[in-house]
Protein backbone atom coordinates (compact mmCIF):
# COMPACT_ATOMS: atom_id res chain seq x y z
CA MET A 1 12.09 29.72 -133.11
CA LYS A 2 12.49 25.78 -132.85
CA ARG A 3 15.53 26.93 -131.54
CA SER A 4 14.48 29.60 -128.94
CA LYS A 5 11.31 26.64 -127.61
CA ILE A 6 13.98 24.81 -127.67
CA TRP A 7 16.37 26.91 -125.33
CA PHE A 8 13.71 27.66 -123.34
CA ALA A 9 12.54 23.96 -123.08
CA SER A 10 15.60 23.00 -122.70
CA ILE A 11 16.25 26.08 -119.56
CA LEU A 12 12.60 24.77 -117.62
CA ILE A 13 14.43 20.52 -117.98
CA ALA A 14 17.22 22.25 -116.31
CA SER A 15 14.94 24.07 -113.88
CA ALA A 16 13.07 21.08 -112.58
CA LEU A 17 16.71 19.18 -112.53
CA LEU A 18 18.09 21.82 -110.47
CA LEU A 19 15.32 22.12 -108.16
CA SER A 20 15.22 19.06 -108.13
CA VAL A 21 18.68 18.47 -107.49
CA VAL A 22 17.98 21.37 -104.88
CA ARG A 23 15.16 19.77 -103.05
CA ASN A 24 17.62 16.23 -102.64
CA SER A 25 20.36 18.34 -101.30
CA VAL A 26 17.56 19.95 -99.69
CA ASN A 27 16.80 17.03 -97.66
CA ALA A 28 20.50 14.96 -98.04
CA SER A 29 22.06 18.24 -95.40
CA PRO A 30 23.13 18.09 -92.46
CA ILE A 31 20.14 20.68 -90.49
CA PRO A 32 17.05 18.21 -92.04
CA SER A 33 19.18 15.11 -90.81
CA THR A 34 19.55 17.24 -86.97
CA ARG A 35 16.20 17.86 -86.97
CA ILE A 36 15.51 14.88 -87.53
CA GLU A 37 17.82 13.35 -84.99
CA HIS A 38 17.56 15.63 -82.68
CA SER A 39 13.07 15.06 -83.39
CA GLY A 40 14.41 10.47 -82.72
CA GLU A 41 15.94 11.58 -79.94
CA GLN A 42 13.18 13.79 -78.60
CA SER A 43 10.69 10.55 -79.64
CA VAL A 44 13.08 7.83 -78.07
CA ARG A 45 13.30 10.63 -74.66
CA ARG A 46 9.32 10.70 -74.55
CA GLY A 47 9.57 6.82 -75.14
CA TYR A 48 11.32 6.52 -71.60
CA GLN A 49 9.76 8.86 -69.80
CA LYS A 50 6.77 6.88 -71.37
CA ASN A 51 8.48 4.00 -69.70
CA ALA A 52 9.88 5.34 -67.04
CA THR A 53 6.34 7.39 -66.06
CA GLN A 54 4.91 3.60 -66.86
CA ASN A 55 7.26 1.69 -64.40
CA GLN A 56 7.69 4.51 -61.99
CA ALA A 57 3.19 3.87 -61.65
CA GLN A 58 3.85 0.46 -61.56
CA THR A 59 6.38 0.53 -58.89
CA ARG A 60 3.87 2.55 -57.18
CA HIS A 61 0.97 0.29 -57.80
CA ASN A 62 3.55 -2.51 -56.97
CA GLU A 63 4.13 -0.46 -54.14
CA THR A 64 0.12 -0.28 -52.72
CA ILE A 65 0.28 -3.82 -53.19
CA ILE A 66 3.16 -4.67 -50.70
CA LYS A 67 2.00 -1.99 -48.94
CA SER A 68 -1.26 -3.44 -49.20
CA ALA A 69 -0.22 -7.23 -48.53
CA ALA A 70 2.75 -6.65 -46.75
CA ALA A 71 -0.31 -4.41 -44.09
CA PRO A 72 -1.76 -7.31 -42.32
CA LYS A 73 1.60 -8.78 -41.61
CA ILE A 74 2.57 -5.08 -40.20
CA GLU A 75 -0.39 -5.13 -38.69
CA GLN A 76 0.38 -8.45 -37.65
CA LYS A 77 3.83 -7.94 -36.08
CA THR A 78 1.82 -4.45 -34.27
CA ASN A 79 -0.21 -6.47 -32.63
CA ALA A 80 1.83 -9.39 -31.27
CA SER A 81 4.23 -6.04 -30.79
CA ASP A 82 1.34 -4.78 -28.91
CA SER A 83 0.79 -8.34 -27.50
CA SER A 84 4.13 -8.67 -25.88
CA THR A 85 3.78 -5.60 -25.00
CA GLN A 86 0.88 -5.98 -22.58
CA LYS A 87 1.90 -9.71 -21.38
CA GLN A 88 5.68 -7.93 -20.45
CA ARG A 89 3.72 -5.46 -18.47
CA LEU A 90 1.14 -8.13 -17.45
CA ASP A 91 3.84 -10.19 -16.67
CA VAL A 92 5.92 -7.25 -14.78
CA TRP A 93 2.51 -6.21 -13.27
CA ASN A 94 2.61 -10.11 -11.66
CA VAL A 95 5.03 -10.15 -11.13
CA SER A 96 4.31 -7.12 -8.69
CA ASP A 97 1.53 -8.68 -7.57
CA LYS A 98 3.91 -12.35 -6.09
CA ILE A 99 6.18 -9.41 -4.47
CA ALA A 100 4.11 -7.34 -2.94
CA ALA A 101 2.04 -10.76 -2.01
CA ILE A 102 4.78 -12.24 -1.07
CA ALA A 103 5.73 -8.91 1.24
CA ALA A 104 2.40 -9.03 2.61
CA GLY A 105 2.43 -12.38 4.15
CA ALA A 106 5.96 -12.01 5.17
CA ALA A 107 4.47 -8.45 7.62
CA PHE A 108 1.52 -11.15 8.35
CA LEU A 109 4.09 -14.06 10.00
CA GLN A 110 6.03 -10.12 11.41
CA PHE A 111 2.83 -9.25 12.44
CA LEU A 112 1.83 -12.95 14.08
CA ALA A 113 5.23 -13.19 15.34
CA LEU A 114 4.98 -9.44 17.39
CA LEU A 115 1.52 -11.47 19.25
CA ALA A 116 3.66 -14.49 20.09
CA THR A 117 5.88 -12.27 21.67
CA ILE A 118 3.58 -9.99 23.15
CA ARG A 119 1.49 -12.93 23.77
CA ILE A 120 4.25 -14.65 25.19
CA MET A 121 6.32 -12.25 27.28
CA GLN A 122 2.80 -11.72 28.66
CA LYS A 123 2.30 -14.42 30.25
CA SER A 124 6.58 -14.85 31.54
CA ALA A 125 5.38 -11.20 33.01
CA GLN A 126 2.32 -13.77 34.48
CA ARG A 127 4.00 -16.35 35.90
CA GLN A 128 7.18 -13.93 37.18
CA LEU A 129 4.03 -12.21 38.68
CA ARG A 130 1.68 -14.15 40.07
CA ALA A 131 0.51 -15.68 43.30
CA TYR A 132 2.53 -19.43 44.25
CA VAL A 133 0.93 -21.22 47.35
CA SER A 134 2.65 -24.42 49.07
CA GLY A 135 1.80 -26.57 52.48
CA ASP A 136 4.13 -27.08 54.24
CA PRO A 137 3.37 -29.68 57.48
CA GLU A 138 5.72 -28.06 60.57
CA PHE A 139 4.46 -29.83 63.45
CA VAL A 140 2.38 -32.88 65.40
CA VAL A 141 0.97 -33.44 68.47
CA ALA A 142 1.63 -36.28 70.37
CA PHE A 143 -1.66 -38.77 69.90
CA ASP A 144 -2.96 -42.37 71.86
CA GLU A 145 -5.64 -44.44 72.03
CA SER A 146 -8.00 -42.70 73.68
CA THR A 147 -6.24 -38.62 71.75
CA PRO A 148 -7.06 -37.52 68.35
CA THR A 149 -3.74 -35.91 67.26
CA SER A 150 -2.85 -33.07 65.02
CA ILE A 151 -1.05 -31.62 62.60
CA ARG A 152 -0.70 -27.52 61.93
CA TYR A 153 1.20 -26.79 58.78
CA ALA A 154 1.70 -23.19 56.94
CA ILE A 155 0.54 -22.03 54.01
CA ARG A 156 2.76 -19.21 52.81
CA ASN A 157 2.51 -17.42 48.96
CA VAL A 158 6.32 -17.55 47.40
CA GLY A 159 4.97 -15.11 44.84
CA GLN A 160 4.82 -11.06 44.05
CA THR A 161 0.94 -10.80 44.55
CA PRO A 162 -1.46 -11.80 46.69
CA ALA A 163 -3.36 -15.87 46.78
CA LEU A 164 -7.71 -14.45 45.67
CA ALA A 165 -10.25 -16.10 47.20
CA MET A 166 -6.91 -18.74 48.88
CA ARG A 167 -9.19 -21.92 50.27
CA GLN A 168 -8.07 -24.76 51.77
CA SER A 169 -8.24 -28.47 53.17
CA ALA A 170 -6.34 -31.18 54.41
CA GLU A 171 -7.05 -34.90 55.89
CA ILE A 172 -3.77 -36.92 58.44
CA VAL A 173 -4.46 -40.44 57.13
CA LEU A 174 -2.35 -43.64 57.20
CA CYS A 175 -0.68 -45.37 54.86
CA PRO A 176 2.43 -48.51 54.54
CA PHE A 177 5.37 -47.49 53.82
CA PRO A 178 6.45 -46.98 51.39
CA LEU A 179 3.72 -46.64 48.95
CA PRO A 180 2.92 -48.96 46.62
CA THR A 181 3.94 -48.56 43.16
CA GLY A 182 0.54 -46.79 41.74
CA TYR A 183 -1.19 -46.12 44.93
CA GLN A 184 -4.02 -43.46 45.18
CA PHE A 185 -4.61 -41.34 48.16
CA SER A 186 -7.85 -41.02 49.26
CA PRO A 187 -10.07 -37.69 48.54
CA ILE A 188 -9.85 -34.82 50.89
CA LEU A 189 -13.36 -35.19 52.10
CA SER A 190 -13.26 -32.12 55.03
CA GLU A 191 -14.85 -28.79 54.50
CA PRO A 192 -12.44 -25.87 53.10
CA SER A 193 -11.38 -23.08 54.47
CA PRO A 194 -13.34 -19.73 54.10
CA PRO A 195 -11.70 -17.79 51.15
CA ILE A 196 -9.02 -14.84 52.65
CA VAL A 197 -6.59 -13.23 50.72
CA LEU A 198 -3.33 -14.35 51.30
CA PHE A 199 -0.08 -11.16 50.67
CA PRO A 200 3.10 -13.02 49.72
CA ASN A 201 5.44 -13.74 52.29
CA VAL A 202 2.58 -14.12 55.50
CA PRO A 203 1.51 -17.41 56.20
CA VAL A 204 -1.07 -18.63 57.15
CA ILE A 205 -1.08 -21.25 59.95
CA GLY A 206 -3.27 -24.66 59.48
CA VAL A 207 -4.26 -27.12 61.84
CA LYS A 208 -6.05 -30.62 60.99
CA GLU A 209 -7.11 -33.19 63.75
CA SER A 210 -7.49 -37.03 63.16
CA ARG A 211 -9.39 -38.71 63.83
CA LEU A 212 -8.76 -41.28 66.37
CA PHE A 213 -6.13 -43.82 65.90
CA SER A 214 -6.89 -47.57 67.14
CA THR A 215 -4.44 -49.57 69.18
CA ALA A 216 -3.30 -51.99 66.74
CA GLU A 217 -3.00 -48.66 63.96
CA ILE A 218 -0.49 -47.76 66.68
CA ALA A 219 1.26 -50.66 67.17
CA ASP A 220 1.96 -50.33 63.32
CA ILE A 221 3.07 -46.70 63.51
CA ARG A 222 5.42 -48.84 66.12
CA ASN A 223 6.74 -51.50 63.83
CA ARG A 224 6.96 -48.51 61.15
CA ILE A 225 4.88 -50.81 58.93
CA VAL A 226 3.10 -47.39 58.04
CA LYS A 227 3.40 -44.00 58.04
CA ILE A 228 1.54 -40.65 59.48
CA TYR A 229 0.66 -38.25 56.06
CA ILE A 230 -0.92 -35.05 55.88
CA ILE A 231 -1.89 -34.30 53.39
CA GLY A 232 -4.01 -31.50 51.71
CA ARG A 233 -5.52 -28.80 48.82
CA ILE A 234 -5.17 -25.70 48.07
CA GLU A 235 -7.01 -23.79 45.88
CA TYR A 236 -6.79 -19.87 44.65
CA GLN A 237 -7.30 -16.93 42.15
CA ASP A 238 -4.42 -15.50 41.08
CA VAL A 239 -4.18 -11.72 40.45
CA PHE A 240 -4.57 -12.15 36.46
CA ARG A 241 -8.15 -14.38 37.47
CA LYS A 242 -6.68 -16.81 36.31
CA ARG A 243 -7.84 -20.57 39.05
CA HIS A 244 -4.84 -22.32 40.28
CA SER A 245 -5.31 -24.70 42.60
CA THR A 246 -2.27 -26.86 44.83
CA THR A 247 -1.37 -30.01 47.09
CA PHE A 248 0.88 -31.20 49.16
CA CYS A 249 1.38 -34.82 50.90
CA ALA A 250 4.15 -35.02 53.19
CA GLY A 251 4.79 -37.88 55.92
CA ILE A 252 6.37 -38.34 59.09
CA ASP A 253 9.63 -39.70 60.85
CA ALA A 254 11.35 -39.76 63.78
CA ASP A 255 14.10 -43.18 65.76
CA ASN A 256 12.10 -45.63 67.55
CA ASP A 257 12.31 -43.49 71.24
CA THR A 258 10.11 -40.68 69.74
CA LEU A 259 7.99 -43.11 67.72
CA ILE A 260 7.05 -44.75 70.79
CA LYS A 261 6.90 -41.25 73.67
CA LEU A 262 4.77 -40.30 70.24
CA THR A 263 2.33 -41.97 70.52
CA SER A 264 1.95 -42.80 74.03
CA TYR A 265 0.47 -39.56 74.72
CA TYR A 266 3.75 -36.84 75.49
CA ARG A 267 3.33 -33.83 76.86
CA PRO A 268 7.13 -31.98 76.70
CA PRO A 269 7.80 -29.48 73.94
CA ASP A 270 11.25 -32.03 73.14
CA LEU A 271 9.83 -34.37 70.26
CA LYS A 272 12.16 -34.56 67.60
CA ILE A 273 10.18 -35.29 64.42
CA SER A 274 10.70 -34.38 61.04
CA PHE A 275 8.65 -34.41 57.90
CA PHE A 276 9.46 -35.92 54.56
CA ARG A 277 7.74 -34.76 50.87
CA ALA A 278 6.21 -37.64 49.73
CA PRO A 279 6.82 -39.70 46.10
CA ILE A 280 3.23 -38.79 45.25
CA GLY A 281 0.67 -36.62 45.54
CA ASN A 282 2.43 -32.81 45.82
CA ASP A 283 1.45 -31.00 42.69
CA ALA A 284 0.70 -27.03 42.05
CA ASP A 285 -0.47 -25.24 38.37
């Protein structure tokens, strides 16, 4: 009986030991180790994933912060770029304005030049077409102390259009010869002739009678101390309604014998007398 109990206790102890050994074997077996390692890898992976997730979140957060920090700079750059573009556009517009202003100024100057050219052409045409009136003495009548002389002169329009409202007047005067420097003729006191139309190449004859010359004055004429001059003034209007005036002055010249005959009331028309233009008193506009 005691052996049976001892045997049974030995069996129980052996069984317990075997169970303990089996348990230890199971705990030390590769399968549990693989599970443990797999579980560890999963933990590591989970840690990595968690860290990666945290890193991603941190990266996103940092990116958000960076974007937030960079946004004003980007906005500033965008604003600067827009300002630069707008400035360039304004610069281009300003250049366009300058070019347009220069072109407008050039066009205006061309317009002024055109007006000036037209005006010059008009004046040139008027100068070519207007009337030009002159006076030329042609004949002098002999005289003496008791008979005045008279001078006949021709008024001619050498232009291409008529001279309107033409009036003329003249005087016969005695002046020293030669004329002193700065000499001025006395004004014409006679009344002008009635106004007429003077056509081109159709002369009008004027006659002016002198006053009586004294014996002393006639002696001075013969001695060439003084000479007889005719001075005249012509006023007219051209077809362009512009007023003009012409003055003429000429002296009588002849040899001594002719001068004696001229101042002795010589009647035959064979006196050879010439007229010369005075150095003053001849003008036209």
